[in-house]
PDB file of N, CA and C in Angstrom:
ATOM      1  N   THR A   1     -16.564   9.963   0.181  1.00  0.00           N
ATOM      2  CA  THR A   1     -17.716   9.639  -0.622  1.00  0.00           C
ATOM      3  C   THR A   1     -18.989   8.979   0.216  1.00  0.00           C
ATOM      4  N   ARG A   2     -18.934   9.617   1.226  1.00  0.00           N
ATOM      5  CA  ARG A   2     -20.134   9.774   2.003  1.00  0.00           C
ATOM      6  C   ARG A   2     -21.335  10.045   1.723  1.00  0.00           C
ATOM      7  N   ALA A   3     -21.022  10.910   1.464  1.00  0.00           N
ATOM      8  CA  ALA A   3     -22.134  12.203   1.304  1.00  0.00           C
ATOM      9  C   ALA A   3     -22.328  12.052  -0.494  1.00  0.00           C
ATOM     10  N   ASP A   4     -21.359  11.503  -0.822  1.00  0.00           N
ATOM     11  CA  ASP A   4     -21.600  11.526  -2.563  1.00  0.00           C
ATOM     12  C   ASP A   4     -22.810   9.995  -2.719  1.00  0.00           C
ATOM     13  N   VAL A   5     -22.204   8.969  -2.043  1.00  0.00           N
ATOM     14  CA  VAL A   5     -23.528   7.929  -1.930  1.00  0.00           C
ATOM     15  C   VAL A   5     -24.391   7.727  -1.183  1.00  0.00           C
ATOM     16  N   GLY A   6     -24.647   8.651  -0.080  1.00  0.00           N
ATOM     17  CA  GLY A   6     -25.865   8.917   0.402  1.00  0.00           C
ATOM     18  C   GLY A   6     -25.971   7.982   2.211  1.00  0.00           C
ATOM     19  N   SER A   7     -24.419   8.066   2.352  1.00  0.00           N
ATOM     20  CA  SER A   7     -24.267   7.077   3.382  1.00  0.00           C
ATOM     21  C   SER A   7     -24.498   8.213   5.010  1.00  0.00           C
ATOM     22  N   ASP A   8     -24.862   7.886   6.184  1.00  0.00           N
ATOM     23  CA  ASP A   8     -24.245   8.568   7.068  1.00  0.00           C
ATOM     24  C   ASP A   8     -22.772   7.321   7.895  1.00  0.00           C
ATOM     25  N   VAL A   9     -22.563   6.830   7.675  1.00  0.00           N
ATOM     26  CA  VAL A   9     -21.205   5.938   7.665  1.00  0.00           C
ATOM     27  C   VAL A   9     -20.123   6.586   8.556  1.00  0.00           C
ATOM     28  N   VAL A  10     -19.666   7.102   9.210  1.00  0.00           N
ATOM     29  CA  VAL A  10     -18.208   7.223   9.280  1.00  0.00           C
ATOM     30  C   VAL A  10     -17.219   6.247   9.105  1.00  0.00           C
ATOM     31  N   ILE A  11     -16.164   5.653   7.677  1.00  0.00           N
ATOM     32  CA  ILE A  11     -15.297   4.689   7.457  1.00  0.00           C
ATOM     33  C   ILE A  11     -13.913   4.511   8.809  1.00  0.00           C
ATOM     34  N   TYR A  12     -13.833   6.118   8.880  1.00  0.00           N
ATOM     35  CA  TYR A  12     -12.142   5.951   8.644  1.00  0.00           C
ATOM     36  C   TYR A  12     -12.483   8.053   9.569  1.00  0.00           C
ATOM     37  N   ASP A  13     -11.054   8.293  10.126  1.00  0.00           N
ATOM     38  CA  ASP A  13     -11.825   9.774  10.901  1.00  0.00           C
ATOM     39  C   ASP A  13     -10.065  10.798  10.117  1.00  0.00           C
ATOM     40  N   ASN A  14      -9.524   9.648   9.901  1.00  0.00           N
ATOM     41  CA  ASN A  14      -8.235  10.481   8.218  1.00  0.00           C
ATOM     42  C   ASN A  14      -8.405   9.245   7.757  1.00  0.00           C
ATOM     43  N   ALA A  15      -7.435   8.710   7.124  1.00  0.00           N
ATOM     44  CA  ALA A  15      -7.273   7.844   5.954  1.00  0.00           C
ATOM     45  C   ALA A  15      -6.501   8.557   4.423  1.00  0.00           C
ATOM     46  N   ASP A  16      -4.895   8.496   4.266  1.00  0.00           N
ATOM     47  CA  ASP A  16      -4.261   8.545   2.989  1.00  0.00           C
ATOM     48  C   ASP A  16      -3.992   6.896   2.519  1.00  0.00           C
ATOM     49  N   ILE A  17      -3.322   7.205   1.646  1.00  0.00           N
ATOM     50  CA  ILE A  17      -2.202   6.106   0.581  1.00  0.00           C
ATOM     51  C   ILE A  17      -1.945   6.487   0.100  1.00  0.00           C
ATOM     52  N   PHE A  18      -0.260   6.314   0.712  1.00  0.00           N
ATOM     53  CA  PHE A  18       1.003   7.203  -0.183  1.00  0.00           C
ATOM     54  C   PHE A  18       1.574   5.843  -0.748  1.00  0.00           C
ATOM     55  N   MET A  19       1.511   6.442  -2.863  1.00  0.00           N
ATOM     56  CA  MET A  19       1.724   5.492  -3.521  1.00  0.00           C
ATOM     57  C   MET A  19       3.007   6.336  -4.328  1.00  0.00           C
ATOM     58  N   PHE A  20       3.679   5.039  -3.962  1.00  0.00           N
ATOM     59  CA  PHE A  20       5.613   6.082  -4.862  1.00  0.00           C
ATOM     60  C   PHE A  20       5.695   3.780  -6.322  1.00  0.00           C
ATOM     61  N   CYS A  21       7.275   4.040  -6.429  1.00  0.00           N
ATOM     62  CA  CYS A  21       7.199   3.236  -7.450  1.00  0.00           C
ATOM     63  C   CYS A  21       9.569   3.225  -7.294  1.00  0.00           C
ATOM     64  N   SER A  22      10.121   2.462  -7.119  1.00  0.00           N
ATOM     65  CA  SER A  22      10.974   1.968  -6.347  1.00  0.00           C
ATOM     66  C   SER A  22      11.772   1.651  -7.973  1.00  0.00           C
ATOM     67  N   ALA A  23      12.574   2.606  -8.284  1.00  0.00           N
ATOM     68  CA  ALA A  23      12.684   2.184  -9.768  1.00  0.00           C
ATOM     69  C   ALA A  23      13.790   1.531 -10.481  1.00  0.00           C
ATOM     70  N   THR A  24      14.829   0.534  -9.223  1.00  0.00           N
ATOM     71  CA  THR A  24      15.547  -0.259  -8.963  1.00  0.00           C
ATOM     72  C   THR A  24      14.476  -1.733  -9.205  1.00  0.00           C
ATOM     73  N   LEU A  25      13.298  -1.510  -8.693  1.00  0.00           N
ATOM     74  CA  LEU A  25      12.984  -2.890  -7.420  1.00  0.00           C
ATOM     75  C   LEU A  25      11.605  -3.232  -9.291  1.00  0.00           C
ATOM     76  N   SER A  26      11.402  -2.216  -9.200  1.00  0.00           N
ATOM     77  CA  SER A  26      10.557  -2.629 -10.520  1.00  0.00           C
ATOM     78  C   SER A  26      10.886  -2.756 -11.422  1.00  0.00           C
ATOM     79  N   ARG A  27      12.382  -2.230 -11.851  1.00  0.00           N
ATOM     80  CA  ARG A  27      12.850  -2.822 -13.540  1.00  0.00           C
ATOM     81  C   ARG A  27      12.968  -3.991 -13.311  1.00  0.00           C
ATOM     82  N   LYS A  28      13.696  -4.408 -11.562  1.00  0.00           N
ATOM     83  CA  LYS A  28      13.879  -5.620 -11.123  1.00  0.00           C
ATOM     84  C   LYS A  28      12.526  -6.513 -11.686  1.00  0.00           C
ATOM     85  N   VAL A  29      11.792  -6.080 -10.514  1.00  0.00           N
ATOM     86  CA  VAL A  29      10.509  -7.186 -11.462  1.00  0.00           C
ATOM     87  C   VAL A  29       8.997  -7.403 -12.480  1.00  0.00           C
ATOM     88  N   MET A  30       9.455  -6.097 -13.047  1.00  0.00           N
ATOM     89  CA  MET A  30       8.964  -6.235 -14.425  1.00  0.00           C
ATOM     90  C   MET A  30       9.662  -6.635 -15.641  1.00  0.00           C
ATOM     91  N   GLU A  31      11.293  -6.436 -15.491  1.00  0.00           N
ATOM     92  CA  GLU A  31      12.355  -7.721 -16.433  1.00  0.00           C
ATOM     93  C   GLU A  31      12.089  -8.936 -15.357  1.00  0.00           C
ATOM     94  N   ALA A  32      11.761  -9.494 -14.415  1.00  0.00           N
ATOM     95  CA  ALA A  32      11.051 -10.765 -14.546  1.00  0.00           C
ATOM     96  C   ALA A  32      10.136 -11.525 -15.419  1.00  0.00           C
ATOM     97  N   ASP A  33       8.911 -10.136 -15.201  1.00  0.00           N
ATOM     98  CA  ASP A  33       7.609 -11.239 -15.754  1.00  0.00           C
ATOM     99  C   ASP A  33       7.392  -9.119 -16.289  1.00  0.00           C
ATOM    100  N   PRO A  34       7.453  -9.085 -17.071  1.00  0.00           N
ATOM    101  CA  PRO A  34       6.632  -7.697 -17.692  1.00  0.00           C
ATOM    102  C   PRO A  34       5.229  -7.061 -17.457  1.00  0.00           C
ATOM    103  N   ALA A  35       3.496  -7.927 -16.909  1.00  0.00           N
ATOM    104  CA  ALA A  35       3.006  -8.458 -16.558  1.00  0.00           C
ATOM    105  C   ALA A  35       2.519  -7.362 -14.805  1.00  0.00           C
ATOM    106  N   ASN A  36       3.996  -7.657 -14.601  1.00  0.00           N
ATOM    107  CA  ASN A  36       4.682  -7.110 -13.270  1.00  0.00           C
ATOM    108  C   ASN A  36       3.793  -5.355 -13.418  1.00  0.00           C
ATOM    109  N   ILE A  37       3.826  -5.143 -14.416  1.00  0.00           N
ATOM    110  CA  ILE A  37       3.946  -3.842 -14.551  1.00  0.00           C
ATOM    111  C   ILE A  37       2.304  -2.899 -13.624  1.00  0.00           C
ATOM    112  N   ALA A  38       1.793  -4.545 -13.586  1.00  0.00           N
ATOM    113  CA  ALA A  38       0.095  -3.932 -12.956  1.00  0.00           C
ATOM    114  C   ALA A  38      -0.386  -3.175 -11.208  1.00  0.00           C
ATOM    115  N   TYR A  39       0.712  -3.822 -10.757  1.00  0.00           N
ATOM    116  CA  TYR A  39       0.987  -3.653  -9.556  1.00  0.00           C
ATOM    117  C   TYR A  39       2.525  -2.369  -8.805  1.00  0.00           C
ATOM    118  N   CYS A  40       2.412  -1.446  -9.733  1.00  0.00           N
ATOM    119  CA  CYS A  40       2.611  -0.326  -9.738  1.00  0.00           C
ATOM    120  C   CYS A  40       1.765   0.651 -10.302  1.00  0.00           C
ATOM    121  N   PRO A  41       1.798   1.832  -9.089  1.00  0.00           N
ATOM    122  CA  PRO A  41       2.790   1.904  -8.239  1.00  0.00           C
ATOM    123  C   PRO A  41       3.180   0.979  -6.696  1.00  0.00           C
ATOM    124  N   TYR A  42       2.931   0.856  -5.993  1.00  0.00           N
ATOM    125  CA  TYR A  42       3.119   0.745  -4.666  1.00  0.00           C
ATOM    126  C   TYR A  42       1.846   1.141  -3.567  1.00  0.00           C
ATOM    127  N   GLY A  43       1.679   0.827  -2.167  1.00  0.00           N
ATOM    128  CA  GLY A  43       0.844   1.813  -1.665  1.00  0.00           C
ATOM    129  C   GLY A  43       0.646   1.414  -0.173  1.00  0.00           C
ATOM    130  N   VAL A  44       0.767   2.188   0.379  1.00  0.00           N
ATOM    131  CA  VAL A  44       1.175   1.686   2.277  1.00  0.00           C
ATOM    132  C   VAL A  44      -0.010   2.829   1.976  1.00  0.00           C
ATOM    133  N   PHE A  45      -1.444   1.470   3.050  1.00  0.00           N
ATOM    134  CA  PHE A  45      -2.439   3.416   3.735  1.00  0.00           C
ATOM    135  C   PHE A  45      -2.283   3.612   5.096  1.00  0.00           C
ATOM    136  N   VAL A  46      -2.453   4.635   5.733  1.00  0.00           N
ATOM    137  CA  VAL A  46      -2.400   4.252   6.860  1.00  0.00           C
ATOM    138  C   VAL A  46      -3.700   5.287   7.264  1.00  0.00           C
ATOM    139  N   THR A  47      -4.964   4.464   7.920  1.00  0.00           N
ATOM    140  CA  THR A  47      -5.487   4.852   8.324  1.00  0.00           C
ATOM    141  C   THR A  47      -6.395   5.690  10.195  1.00  0.00           C
ATOM    142  N   ASP A  48      -6.397   6.604  10.181  1.00  0.00           N
ATOM    143  CA  ASP A  48      -7.109   7.748  11.793  1.00  0.00           C
ATOM    144  C   ASP A  48      -8.770   6.995  12.326  1.00  0.00           C
ATOM    145  N   LYS A  49      -8.681   5.738  12.790  1.00  0.00           N
ATOM    146  CA  LYS A  49     -10.110   5.922  13.307  1.00  0.00           C
ATOM    147  C   LYS A  49     -10.532   5.963  14.906  1.00  0.00           C
ATOM    148  N   ASP A  50     -11.550   6.505  15.966  1.00  0.00           N
ATOM    149  CA  ASP A  50     -10.961   6.924  17.101  1.00  0.00           C
ATOM    150  C   ASP A  50      -9.390   6.624  17.940  1.00  0.00           C
ATOM    151  N   GLY A  51      -8.515   7.465  17.033  1.00  0.00           N
ATOM    152  CA  GLY A  51      -8.282   7.095  17.356  1.00  0.00           C
ATOM    153  C   GLY A  51      -6.614   6.013  17.458  1.00  0.00           C
ATOM    154  N   LYS A  52      -7.253   4.990  17.288  1.00  0.00           N
ATOM    155  CA  LYS A  52      -6.489   3.610  16.652  1.00  0.00           C
ATOM    156  C   LYS A  52      -5.987   4.482  14.914  1.00  0.00           C
ATOM    157  N   VAL A  53      -4.462   3.898  15.318  1.00  0.00           N
ATOM    158  CA  VAL A  53      -4.025   4.787  13.467  1.00  0.00           C
ATOM    159  C   VAL A  53      -3.615   2.788  13.242  1.00  0.00           C
ATOM    160  N   GLN A  54      -4.145   2.789  11.965  1.00  0.00           N
ATOM    161  CA  GLN A  54      -3.393   0.902  11.317  1.00  0.00           C
ATOM    162  C   GLN A  54      -2.098   1.522  10.427  1.00  0.00           C
ATOM    163  N   VAL A  55      -1.788   1.308   9.520  1.00  0.00           N
ATOM    164  CA  VAL A  55      -0.629   1.774   7.958  1.00  0.00           C
ATOM    165  C   VAL A  55      -0.604  -0.503   7.709  1.00  0.00           C
ATOM    166  N   GLY A  56      -0.663   0.053   6.332  1.00  0.00           N
ATOM    167  CA  GLY A  56      -0.972  -1.617   5.758  1.00  0.00           C
ATOM    168  C   GLY A  56      -0.354  -1.587   4.504  1.00  0.00           C
ATOM    169  N   TYR A  57      -1.246  -2.200   4.099  1.00  0.00           N
ATOM    170  CA  TYR A  57      -0.302  -2.149   1.893  1.00  0.00           C
ATOM    171  C   TYR A  57      -1.233  -2.929   1.725  1.00  0.00           C
ATOM    172  N   ARG A  58      -1.449  -3.563   0.429  1.00  0.00           N
ATOM    173  CA  ARG A  58      -1.800  -4.750  -0.517  1.00  0.00           C
ATOM    174  C   ARG A  58      -1.050  -5.781  -0.823  1.00  0.00           C
ATOM    175  N   ASN A  59      -1.454  -7.045  -0.411  1.00  0.00           N
ATOM    176  CA  ASN A  59      -0.623  -8.476  -0.293  1.00  0.00           C
ATOM    177  C   ASN A  59      -0.166  -8.705  -1.471  1.00  0.00           C
ATOM    178  N   GLN A  60       1.048  -9.263  -1.613  1.00  0.00           N
ATOM    179  CA  GLN A  60       1.421  -8.626  -3.178  1.00  0.00           C
ATOM    180  C   GLN A  60       1.720 -10.597  -3.432  1.00  0.00           C
ATOM    181  N   PRO A  61       1.760 -10.796  -4.825  1.00  0.00           N
ATOM    182  CA  PRO A  61       1.717 -12.067  -5.150  1.00  0.00           C
ATOM    183  C   PRO A  61       2.862 -13.192  -5.477  1.00  0.00           C
ATOM    184  N   GLU A  62       3.088 -14.229  -5.033  1.00  0.00           N
ATOM    185  CA  GLU A  62       3.980 -14.976  -4.913  1.00  0.00           C
ATOM    186  C   GLU A  62       5.227 -14.389  -6.418  1.00  0.00           C
ATOM    187  N   GLY A  63       6.598 -14.573  -6.314  1.00  0.00           N
ATOM    188  CA  GLY A  63       7.279 -15.019  -6.960  1.00  0.00           C
ATOM    189  C   GLY A  63       8.194 -13.603  -6.350  1.00  0.00           C
ATOM    190  N   VAL A  64       8.190 -12.902  -7.589  1.00  0.00           N
ATOM    191  CA  VAL A  64       9.201 -11.955  -7.387  1.00  0.00           C
ATOM    192  C   VAL A  64       9.433 -10.577  -6.812  1.00  0.00           C
ATOM    193  N   MET A  65       7.276 -10.650  -6.895  1.00  0.00           N
ATOM    194  CA  MET A  65       6.195  -9.963  -5.855  1.00  0.00           C
ATOM    195  C   MET A  65       6.598  -9.651  -4.890  1.00  0.00           C
ATOM    196  N   GLN A  66       7.448 -10.774  -3.508  1.00  0.00           N
ATOM    197  CA  GLN A  66       7.545 -11.016  -2.444  1.00  0.00           C
ATOM    198  C   GLN A  66       8.762 -10.000  -2.639  1.00  0.00           C
ATOM    199  N   GLU A  67       9.502  -9.103  -3.642  1.00  0.00           N
ATOM    200  CA  GLU A  67      10.826  -8.639  -3.311  1.00  0.00           C
ATOM    201  C   GLU A  67       9.943  -7.065  -2.462  1.00  0.00           C
ATOM    202  N   VAL A  68       8.838  -6.921  -3.378  1.00  0.00           N
ATOM    203  CA  VAL A  68       8.112  -5.445  -3.525  1.00  0.00           C
ATOM    204  C   VAL A  68       7.309  -5.919  -1.776  1.00  0.00           C
ATOM    205  N   GLN A  69       6.674  -6.950  -2.134  1.00  0.00           N
ATOM    206  CA  GLN A  69       6.164  -7.071  -0.203  1.00  0.00           C
ATOM    207  C   GLN A  69       6.982  -6.664   1.699  1.00  0.00           C
ATOM    208  N   ALA A  70       8.524  -7.660   0.890  1.00  0.00           N
ATOM    209  CA  ALA A  70       9.524  -6.811   1.336  1.00  0.00           C
ATOM    210  C   ALA A  70       9.381  -5.057   1.933  1.00  0.00           C
ATOM    211  N   LEU A  71       9.484  -5.239   1.280  1.00  0.00           N
ATOM    212  CA  LEU A  71       9.951  -3.329   1.100  1.00  0.00           C
ATOM    213  C   LEU A  71       8.857  -3.491   1.758  1.00  0.00           C
ATOM    214  N   LEU A  72       7.399  -3.424   1.529  1.00  0.00           N
ATOM    215  CA  LEU A  72       6.356  -2.404   1.603  1.00  0.00           C
ATOM    216  C   LEU A  72       6.004  -2.680   3.069  1.00  0.00           C
ATOM    217  N   ASP A  73       6.267  -4.031   4.328  1.00  0.00           N
ATOM    218  CA  ASP A  73       6.623  -4.649   4.882  1.00  0.00           C
ATOM    219  C   ASP A  73       7.411  -3.758   5.583  1.00  0.00           C
ATOM    220  N   ASP A  74       8.375  -2.931   4.996  1.00  0.00           N
ATOM    221  CA  ASP A  74       9.617  -2.383   5.905  1.00  0.00           C
ATOM    222  C   ASP A  74       8.902  -1.060   6.287  1.00  0.00           C
ATOM    223  N   ILE A  75       8.409  -1.197   5.164  1.00  0.00           N
ATOM    224  CA  ILE A  75       8.002   0.775   5.003  1.00  0.00           C
ATOM    225  C   ILE A  75       6.658   1.140   6.044  1.00  0.00           C
ATOM    226  N   ALA A  76       5.953  -0.341   6.332  1.00  0.00           N
ATOM    227  CA  ALA A  76       4.579  -0.240   7.075  1.00  0.00           C
ATOM    228  C   ALA A  76       5.448  -0.809   8.791  1.00  0.00           C
ATOM    229  N   ARG A  77       6.003  -1.074   8.940  1.00  0.00           N
ATOM    230  CA  ARG A  77       7.200  -1.158  10.413  1.00  0.00           C
ATOM    231  C   ARG A  77       6.861   0.281  10.756  1.00  0.00           C
ATOM    232  N   GLU A  78       8.254   0.526  10.279  1.00  0.00           N
ATOM    233  CA  GLU A  78       9.260   1.820  11.121  1.00  0.00           C
ATOM    234  C   GLU A  78       7.751   2.685  10.589  1.00  0.00           C
ATOM    235  N   ALA A  79       6.789   2.898   9.980  1.00  0.00           N
ATOM    236  CA  ALA A  79       6.439   3.554   9.829  1.00  0.00           C
ATOM    237  C   ALA A  79       5.242   3.825  11.490  1.00  0.00           C
ATOM    238  N   ALA A  80       4.542   2.756  11.664  1.00  0.00           N
ATOM    239  CA  ALA A  80       3.942   2.214  12.767  1.00  0.00           C
ATOM    240  C   ALA A  80       4.881   2.164  14.280  1.00  0.00           C
ATOM    241  N   GLY A  81       5.999   1.969  13.598  1.00  0.00           N
ATOM    242  CA  GLY A  81       7.365   2.235  14.696  1.00  0.00           C
ATOM    243  C   GLY A  81       7.567   1.162  15.255  1.00  0.00           C
ATOM    244  N   GLN A  82       7.671   0.365  14.739  1.00  0.00           N
ATOM    245  CA  GLN A  82       8.470  -1.247  14.679  1.00  0.00           C
ATOM    246  C   GLN A  82       9.116  -1.566  14.921  1.00  0.00           C
TER     247      GLN A  82
END
C-alpha cells in the first residue's frame, strides 16, 4: 500500500496473515453465541522487519472465545519456536 498512498515508509520487509477456521471450535463458540461468527476466520500474523520476526494474533473477547485465544496462542508460540 506504500506506493498507493504516496508514502516512503517501509513498515515491514515482509508480512503475512494466515487465515483459517477450526470447524469444531467455531461450531462450539457459535452455538454459545451466534454473533461469534464475526470473529471467524481466525488469523495469525507473521512479520519480518530488519531480520526481527514477530508472530501474533488478534486478542479475542472474554467468555467462550478465550478457547479460540488459547488455540491462537498455541499456534503462535509453536510458530515462534517457544
